[in-house]
Amino acid sequence: MPLGSLQNHLHDRSPGKALLDWNTRMNIAAGVAKGLEYLHHQGVVYRKPMSSSDILLGDGYHPKLSQYGLAELHQLGAEEIKSFTRSTNIAPEMLATGRVTTKSNVYSFGGVLLELITGRTPFDPAQAAAEDRNLVMWVS
């Protein structure tokens, strides 16, 4: 995609790189929500927690969802779950049960929304307090 990933626009602090304005951020959020809704109506869910790196930006900052894996609602294996435990956007019930659902996708989309609103990364090891390192914990 011509503009790269949302993650690059939110967290790349290169000199001269402009931050996304509020309207652009909200338009991206609305586009992602519509795309996720469309996939769910087709019976497709993400097999892994969604992240800002999964959202690619086309001309005009129109978002496109990537890496959804065309997975139907199903149970994940222990090894798959283990590979996702570093993500702060993983739904607690997905971690506990291994079940991937539209609800677990919505939870991880909420994590992406927090990134869009706050501009913070999902996990920031530079934060002194442990509760401030995880974006979801920091907000709650």
N, C-alpha and C. Protein backbone atom coordinates (compact mmCIF):
# COMPACT_ATOMS: atom_id res chain seq x y z
N MET A 1 0.85 -1.18 0.00
CA MET A 1 0.00 0.00 0.00
C MET A 1 0.89 1.24 0.00
N PRO A 2 0.48 2.26 -0.71
CA PRO A 2 1.36 3.42 -0.90
C PRO A 2 1.79 4.14 0.37
N LEU A 3 0.96 4.16 1.39
CA LEU A 3 1.30 4.92 2.60
C LEU A 3 1.81 4.04 3.74
N GLY A 4 1.99 2.75 3.50
CA GLY A 4 2.51 1.86 4.54
C GLY A 4 1.46 1.51 5.58
N SER A 5 1.93 1.14 6.77
CA SER A 5 1.02 0.70 7.82
C SER A 5 0.65 1.84 8.77
N LEU A 6 -0.46 1.67 9.45
CA LEU A 6 -0.88 2.62 10.46
C LEU A 6 0.17 2.72 11.56
N GLN A 7 0.77 1.61 11.90
CA GLN A 7 1.80 1.60 12.94
C GLN A 7 2.92 2.59 12.60
N ASN A 8 3.36 2.60 11.35
CA ASN A 8 4.42 3.52 10.94
C ASN A 8 4.00 4.98 11.13
N HIS A 9 2.76 5.29 10.83
CA HIS A 9 2.28 6.68 10.94
C HIS A 9 2.07 7.09 12.40
N LEU A 10 1.76 6.14 13.25
CA LEU A 10 1.53 6.48 14.66
C LEU A 10 2.81 6.52 15.48
N HIS A 11 3.78 5.67 15.14
CA HIS A 11 4.91 5.49 16.04
C HIS A 11 6.28 5.79 15.45
N ASP A 12 6.34 6.13 14.17
CA ASP A 12 7.62 6.49 13.56
C ASP A 12 7.86 7.98 13.80
N ARG A 13 8.83 8.27 14.62
CA ARG A 13 9.12 9.66 14.99
C ARG A 13 10.26 10.25 14.18
N SER A 14 10.32 9.90 12.90
CA SER A 14 11.37 10.43 12.03
C SER A 14 11.24 11.95 11.91
N PRO A 15 12.36 12.65 11.83
CA PRO A 15 12.31 14.11 11.67
C PRO A 15 11.55 14.48 10.40
N GLY A 16 10.71 15.48 10.53
CA GLY A 16 9.95 15.95 9.38
C GLY A 16 8.69 15.16 9.07
N LYS A 17 8.46 14.06 9.78
CA LYS A 17 7.26 13.26 9.53
C LYS A 17 6.10 13.84 10.34
N ALA A 18 5.05 14.23 9.66
CA ALA A 18 3.89 14.84 10.30
C ALA A 18 3.05 13.79 11.02
N LEU A 19 2.50 14.18 12.16
CA LEU A 19 1.57 13.31 12.88
C LEU A 19 0.22 13.33 12.18
N LEU A 20 -0.52 12.25 12.33
CA LEU A 20 -1.86 12.18 11.76
C LEU A 20 -2.77 13.13 12.53
N ASP A 21 -3.57 13.92 11.81
CA ASP A 21 -4.50 14.81 12.50
C ASP A 21 -5.70 14.01 13.01
N TRP A 22 -6.48 14.65 13.85
CA TRP A 22 -7.61 13.97 14.51
C TRP A 22 -8.62 13.44 13.50
N ASN A 23 -9.01 14.23 12.49
CA ASN A 23 -9.98 13.77 11.50
C ASN A 23 -9.48 12.55 10.75
N THR A 24 -8.21 12.55 10.37
CA THR A 24 -7.64 11.40 9.66
C THR A 24 -7.68 10.17 10.54
N ARG A 25 -7.32 10.33 11.80
CA ARG A 25 -7.35 9.19 12.74
C ARG A 25 -8.76 8.61 12.86
N MET A 26 -9.75 9.47 12.99
CA MET A 26 -11.13 8.99 13.15
C MET A 26 -11.66 8.37 11.85
N ASN A 27 -11.26 8.91 10.70
CA ASN A 27 -11.65 8.30 9.43
C ASN A 27 -11.02 6.92 9.27
N ILE A 28 -9.78 6.77 9.70
CA ILE A 28 -9.13 5.45 9.67
C ILE A 28 -9.87 4.49 10.59
N ALA A 29 -10.20 4.95 11.80
CA ALA A 29 -10.93 4.10 12.76
C ALA A 29 -12.27 3.64 12.18
N ALA A 30 -13.00 4.57 11.56
CA ALA A 30 -14.30 4.23 10.97
C ALA A 30 -14.13 3.23 9.83
N GLY A 31 -13.12 3.42 9.01
CA GLY A 31 -12.87 2.50 7.90
C GLY A 31 -12.51 1.11 8.37
N VAL A 32 -11.69 1.03 9.43
CA VAL A 32 -11.32 -0.27 9.99
C VAL A 32 -12.55 -0.96 10.57
N ALA A 33 -13.38 -0.20 11.28
CA ALA A 33 -14.60 -0.77 11.86
C ALA A 33 -15.52 -1.32 10.77
N LYS A 34 -15.66 -0.59 9.68
CA LYS A 34 -16.50 -1.06 8.57
C LYS A 34 -15.92 -2.32 7.94
N GLY A 35 -14.60 -2.35 7.77
CA GLY A 35 -13.95 -3.53 7.20
C GLY A 35 -14.10 -4.74 8.09
N LEU A 36 -13.93 -4.54 9.40
CA LEU A 36 -14.07 -5.64 10.35
C LEU A 36 -15.51 -6.15 10.38
N GLU A 37 -16.46 -5.22 10.33
CA GLU A 37 -17.87 -5.61 10.29
C GLU A 37 -18.16 -6.44 9.04
N TYR A 38 -17.64 -6.02 7.91
CA TYR A 38 -17.85 -6.76 6.66
C TYR A 38 -17.29 -8.18 6.78
N LEU A 39 -16.06 -8.30 7.28
CA LEU A 39 -15.46 -9.63 7.43
C LEU A 39 -16.29 -10.51 8.35
N HIS A 40 -16.75 -9.95 9.46
CA HIS A 40 -17.54 -10.73 10.41
C HIS A 40 -18.84 -11.21 9.78
N HIS A 41 -19.48 -10.37 8.96
CA HIS A 41 -20.70 -10.79 8.28
C HIS A 41 -20.44 -11.89 7.26
N GLN A 42 -19.20 -12.02 6.81
CA GLN A 42 -18.81 -13.08 5.89
C GLN A 42 -18.35 -14.34 6.65
N GLY A 43 -18.36 -14.28 8.00
CA GLY A 43 -17.92 -15.41 8.81
C GLY A 43 -16.41 -15.49 8.96
N VAL A 44 -15.72 -14.39 8.72
CA VAL A 44 -14.25 -14.36 8.78
C VAL A 44 -13.82 -13.59 10.03
N VAL A 45 -12.86 -14.15 10.75
CA VAL A 45 -12.29 -13.49 11.92
C VAL A 45 -10.77 -13.51 11.81
N TYR A 46 -10.13 -12.61 12.54
CA TYR A 46 -8.67 -12.63 12.64
C TYR A 46 -8.27 -13.79 13.53
N ARG A 47 -7.25 -14.52 13.15
CA ARG A 47 -6.75 -15.61 13.99
C ARG A 47 -5.82 -15.09 15.07
N LYS A 48 -5.36 -13.86 14.92
CA LYS A 48 -4.45 -13.28 15.90
C LYS A 48 -5.01 -11.93 16.32
N PRO A 49 -4.55 -11.40 17.43
CA PRO A 49 -5.04 -10.08 17.83
C PRO A 49 -4.65 -9.04 16.78
N MET A 50 -5.58 -8.19 16.41
CA MET A 50 -5.34 -7.14 15.42
C MET A 50 -4.38 -6.11 16.01
N SER A 51 -3.51 -5.57 15.16
CA SER A 51 -2.61 -4.52 15.61
C SER A 51 -2.54 -3.44 14.53
N SER A 52 -1.95 -2.32 14.88
CA SER A 52 -1.84 -1.23 13.92
C SER A 52 -0.96 -1.60 12.73
N SER A 53 -0.11 -2.60 12.89
CA SER A 53 0.71 -3.05 11.75
C SER A 53 -0.12 -3.84 10.74
N ASP A 54 -1.30 -4.31 11.12
CA ASP A 54 -2.20 -5.05 10.22
C ASP A 54 -3.07 -4.13 9.38
N ILE A 55 -3.00 -2.83 9.63
CA ILE A 55 -3.84 -1.86 8.92
C ILE A 55 -2.95 -1.10 7.95
N LEU A 56 -3.19 -1.34 6.67
CA LEU A 56 -2.40 -0.70 5.62
C LEU A 56 -3.18 0.50 5.09
N LEU A 57 -2.46 1.54 4.74
CA LEU A 57 -3.10 2.78 4.33
C LEU A 57 -2.89 3.05 2.85
N GLY A 58 -4.01 3.20 2.14
CA GLY A 58 -3.96 3.52 0.73
C GLY A 58 -4.01 5.03 0.53
N ASP A 59 -4.13 5.44 -0.71
CA ASP A 59 -4.24 6.87 -1.02
C ASP A 59 -5.37 7.49 -0.21
N GLY A 60 -5.15 8.69 0.29
CA GLY A 60 -6.16 9.36 1.09
C GLY A 60 -6.32 8.75 2.47
N TYR A 61 -5.35 7.95 2.88
CA TYR A 61 -5.35 7.28 4.19
C TYR A 61 -6.54 6.33 4.36
N HIS A 62 -7.00 5.73 3.26
CA HIS A 62 -8.07 4.75 3.35
C HIS A 62 -7.48 3.44 3.85
N PRO A 63 -8.00 2.91 4.98
CA PRO A 63 -7.42 1.70 5.57
C PRO A 63 -7.85 0.42 4.87
N LYS A 64 -6.94 -0.51 4.83
CA LYS A 64 -7.20 -1.86 4.33
C LYS A 64 -6.70 -2.84 5.37
N LEU A 65 -7.51 -3.82 5.70
CA LEU A 65 -7.13 -4.82 6.69
C LEU A 65 -6.28 -5.90 6.04
N SER A 66 -5.23 -6.30 6.72
CA SER A 66 -4.38 -7.36 6.19
C SER A 66 -4.17 -8.41 7.26
N GLN A 67 -3.67 -9.55 6.84
CA GLN A 67 -3.28 -10.66 7.73
C GLN A 67 -4.43 -11.21 8.56
N TYR A 68 -5.65 -11.20 8.02
CA TYR A 68 -6.74 -11.77 8.78
C TYR A 68 -6.82 -13.28 8.62
N GLY A 69 -6.12 -13.83 7.65
CA GLY A 69 -5.98 -15.28 7.53
C GLY A 69 -7.21 -16.04 7.11
N LEU A 70 -8.30 -15.37 6.79
CA LEU A 70 -9.53 -16.04 6.36
C LEU A 70 -9.90 -17.20 7.27
N ALA A 71 -9.85 -16.96 8.56
CA ALA A 71 -10.16 -18.00 9.54
C ALA A 71 -11.64 -17.96 9.90
N GLU A 72 -12.23 -19.13 9.97
CA GLU A 72 -13.60 -19.20 10.46
C GLU A 72 -13.52 -19.28 11.98
N LEU A 73 -14.67 -19.09 12.64
CA LEU A 73 -14.69 -19.18 14.09
C LEU A 73 -14.21 -20.57 14.50
N HIS A 74 -13.18 -20.61 15.33
CA HIS A 74 -12.63 -21.90 15.72
C HIS A 74 -11.77 -21.78 16.97
N GLN A 75 -11.26 -22.91 17.38
CA GLN A 75 -10.41 -23.03 18.56
C GLN A 75 -8.95 -23.00 18.12
N LEU A 76 -8.14 -22.22 18.81
CA LEU A 76 -6.71 -22.19 18.52
C LEU A 76 -5.98 -23.22 19.37
N GLY A 77 -4.86 -23.69 18.87
CA GLY A 77 -4.02 -24.60 19.62
C GLY A 77 -3.17 -23.84 20.64
N ALA A 78 -2.62 -24.56 21.59
CA ALA A 78 -1.81 -23.95 22.65
C ALA A 78 -0.61 -23.20 22.10
N GLU A 79 0.02 -23.73 21.07
CA GLU A 79 1.19 -23.06 20.49
C GLU A 79 0.82 -21.74 19.82
N GLU A 80 -0.35 -21.72 19.15
CA GLU A 80 -0.79 -20.47 18.54
C GLU A 80 -1.06 -19.41 19.61
N ILE A 81 -1.74 -19.80 20.67
CA ILE A 81 -2.04 -18.87 21.77
C ILE A 81 -0.75 -18.36 22.38
N LYS A 82 0.21 -19.25 22.58
CA LYS A 82 1.49 -18.87 23.17
C LYS A 82 2.17 -17.80 22.34
N SER A 83 2.06 -17.89 21.02
CA SER A 83 2.71 -16.91 20.15
C SER A 83 2.06 -15.53 20.24
N PHE A 84 0.82 -15.44 20.74
CA PHE A 84 0.12 -14.16 20.83
C PHE A 84 0.24 -13.50 22.20
N THR A 85 0.82 -14.16 23.17
CA THR A 85 0.79 -13.64 24.54
C THR A 85 1.57 -12.35 24.71
N ARG A 86 2.42 -12.00 23.77
CA ARG A 86 3.15 -10.73 23.85
C ARG A 86 2.27 -9.56 23.42
N SER A 87 1.16 -9.83 22.79
CA SER A 87 0.28 -8.77 22.31
C SER A 87 -0.58 -8.25 23.46
N THR A 88 -0.67 -6.93 23.57
CA THR A 88 -1.54 -6.36 24.59
C THR A 88 -2.97 -6.26 24.09
N ASN A 89 -3.20 -6.55 22.82
CA ASN A 89 -4.54 -6.44 22.25
C ASN A 89 -5.27 -7.78 22.26
N ILE A 90 -4.78 -8.75 23.00
CA ILE A 90 -5.44 -10.06 23.02
C ILE A 90 -6.55 -10.06 24.08
N ALA A 91 -7.71 -10.50 23.66
CA ALA A 91 -8.85 -10.56 24.57
C ALA A 91 -8.59 -11.59 25.67
N PRO A 92 -8.92 -11.26 26.92
CA PRO A 92 -8.67 -12.20 28.02
C PRO A 92 -9.32 -13.56 27.80
N GLU A 93 -10.53 -13.59 27.26
CA GLU A 93 -11.20 -14.88 27.04
C GLU A 93 -10.52 -15.68 25.94
N MET A 94 -9.91 -15.01 24.97
CA MET A 94 -9.16 -15.71 23.93
C MET A 94 -7.92 -16.35 24.53
N LEU A 95 -7.27 -15.63 25.40
CA LEU A 95 -6.08 -16.14 26.07
C LEU A 95 -6.45 -17.33 26.96
N ALA A 96 -7.58 -17.23 27.66
CA ALA A 96 -7.99 -18.28 28.59
C ALA A 96 -8.52 -19.52 27.90
N THR A 97 -9.29 -19.33 26.82
CA THR A 97 -9.98 -20.47 26.21
C THR A 97 -9.40 -20.90 24.87
N GLY A 98 -8.67 -20.01 24.21
CA GLY A 98 -8.16 -20.31 22.88
C GLY A 98 -9.20 -20.15 21.80
N ARG A 99 -10.38 -19.69 22.16
CA ARG A 99 -11.47 -19.54 21.20
C ARG A 99 -11.39 -18.17 20.52
N VAL A 100 -11.33 -18.18 19.19
CA VAL A 100 -11.33 -16.96 18.41
C VAL A 100 -12.76 -16.66 17.99
N THR A 101 -13.22 -15.46 18.32
CA THR A 101 -14.59 -15.07 17.98
C THR A 101 -14.60 -13.64 17.46
N THR A 102 -15.74 -13.22 16.98
CA THR A 102 -15.88 -11.83 16.57
C THR A 102 -15.66 -10.91 17.77
N LYS A 103 -16.06 -11.36 18.95
CA LYS A 103 -15.88 -10.53 20.16
C LYS A 103 -14.40 -10.34 20.49
N SER A 104 -13.60 -11.37 20.32
CA SER A 104 -12.17 -11.21 20.58
C SER A 104 -11.54 -10.28 19.55
N ASN A 105 -12.08 -10.27 18.32
CA ASN A 105 -11.61 -9.33 17.30
C ASN A 105 -11.97 -7.90 17.68
N VAL A 106 -13.17 -7.70 18.19
CA VAL A 106 -13.60 -6.36 18.59
C VAL A 106 -12.73 -5.85 19.74
N TYR A 107 -12.38 -6.73 20.67
CA TYR A 107 -11.49 -6.34 21.77
C TYR A 107 -10.15 -5.85 21.23
N SER A 108 -9.57 -6.59 20.31
CA SER A 108 -8.26 -6.19 19.78
C SER A 108 -8.38 -4.90 18.95
N PHE A 109 -9.51 -4.70 18.28
CA PHE A 109 -9.75 -3.45 17.58
C PHE A 109 -9.79 -2.30 18.58
N GLY A 110 -10.34 -2.55 19.76
CA GLY A 110 -10.34 -1.54 20.81
C GLY A 110 -8.93 -1.11 21.18
N GLY A 111 -8.00 -2.06 21.18
CA GLY A 111 -6.60 -1.73 21.44
C GLY A 111 -6.03 -0.83 20.36
N VAL A 112 -6.41 -1.09 19.11
CA VAL A 112 -5.96 -0.23 18.00
C VAL A 112 -6.57 1.17 18.16
N LEU A 113 -7.83 1.25 18.59
CA LEU A 113 -8.45 2.54 18.84
C LEU A 113 -7.69 3.32 19.92
N LEU A 114 -7.26 2.62 20.96
CA LEU A 114 -6.48 3.28 22.00
C LEU A 114 -5.18 3.85 21.43
N GLU A 115 -4.55 3.11 20.54
CA GLU A 115 -3.34 3.62 19.88
C GLU A 115 -3.65 4.88 19.07
N LEU A 116 -4.75 4.85 18.33
CA LEU A 116 -5.13 6.00 17.52
C LEU A 116 -5.42 7.23 18.38
N ILE A 117 -6.10 7.03 19.49
CA ILE A 117 -6.50 8.14 20.35
C ILE A 117 -5.32 8.70 21.15
N THR A 118 -4.52 7.81 21.71
CA THR A 118 -3.44 8.26 22.61
C THR A 118 -2.11 8.50 21.90
N GLY A 119 -1.90 7.82 20.78
CA GLY A 119 -0.61 7.91 20.10
C GLY A 119 0.46 7.05 20.75
N ARG A 120 0.10 6.30 21.79
CA ARG A 120 1.06 5.44 22.49
C ARG A 120 1.12 4.07 21.84
N THR A 121 2.25 3.39 22.04
CA THR A 121 2.40 2.02 21.56
C THR A 121 1.67 1.08 22.50
N PRO A 122 1.29 -0.12 22.04
CA PRO A 122 0.59 -1.06 22.91
C PRO A 122 1.42 -1.45 24.14
N PHE A 123 2.73 -1.51 23.96
CA PHE A 123 3.61 -1.85 25.08
C PHE A 123 4.83 -0.93 25.02
N ASP A 124 5.10 -0.25 26.12
CA ASP A 124 6.21 0.70 26.17
C ASP A 124 7.12 0.36 27.34
N PRO A 125 8.20 -0.40 27.08
CA PRO A 125 9.09 -0.81 28.17
C PRO A 125 9.85 0.37 28.81
N ALA A 126 9.83 1.53 28.17
CA ALA A 126 10.54 2.69 28.72
C ALA A 126 9.79 3.33 29.90
N GLN A 127 8.53 3.00 30.08
CA GLN A 127 7.76 3.55 31.19
C GLN A 127 8.26 2.98 32.51
N ALA A 128 8.44 3.83 33.50
CA ALA A 128 9.00 3.41 34.79
C ALA A 128 8.05 2.47 35.55
N ALA A 129 6.80 2.84 35.63
CA ALA A 129 5.83 2.04 36.39
C ALA A 129 5.32 0.89 35.53
N ALA A 130 5.29 -0.31 36.10
CA ALA A 130 4.86 -1.50 35.36
C ALA A 130 3.45 -1.34 34.79
N GLU A 131 2.55 -0.73 35.53
CA GLU A 131 1.17 -0.57 35.05
C GLU A 131 1.06 0.44 33.91
N ASP A 132 2.08 1.25 33.71
CA ASP A 132 2.07 2.22 32.61
C ASP A 132 2.65 1.66 31.32
N ARG A 133 3.27 0.50 31.38
CA ARG A 133 3.91 -0.08 30.19
C ARG A 133 2.89 -0.65 29.21
N ASN A 134 1.83 -1.24 29.71
CA ASN A 134 0.78 -1.84 28.90
C ASN A 134 -0.31 -0.80 28.68
N LEU A 135 -0.59 -0.47 27.42
CA LEU A 135 -1.55 0.58 27.10
C LEU A 135 -2.93 0.31 27.68
N VAL A 136 -3.43 -0.90 27.59
CA VAL A 136 -4.75 -1.23 28.11
C VAL A 136 -4.80 -1.03 29.63
N MET A 137 -3.76 -1.44 30.33
CA MET A 137 -3.70 -1.25 31.78
C MET A 137 -3.56 0.24 32.13
N TRP A 138 -2.80 0.98 31.34
CA TRP A 138 -2.59 2.40 31.58
C TRP A 138 -3.92 3.16 31.48
N VAL A 139 -4.75 2.78 30.51
CA VAL A 139 -6.03 3.48 30.30
C VAL A 139 -7.03 3.12 31.38
N SER A 140 -7.01 1.91 31.87
CA SER A 140 -8.04 1.48 32.84
C SER A 140 -7.79 1.95 34.24
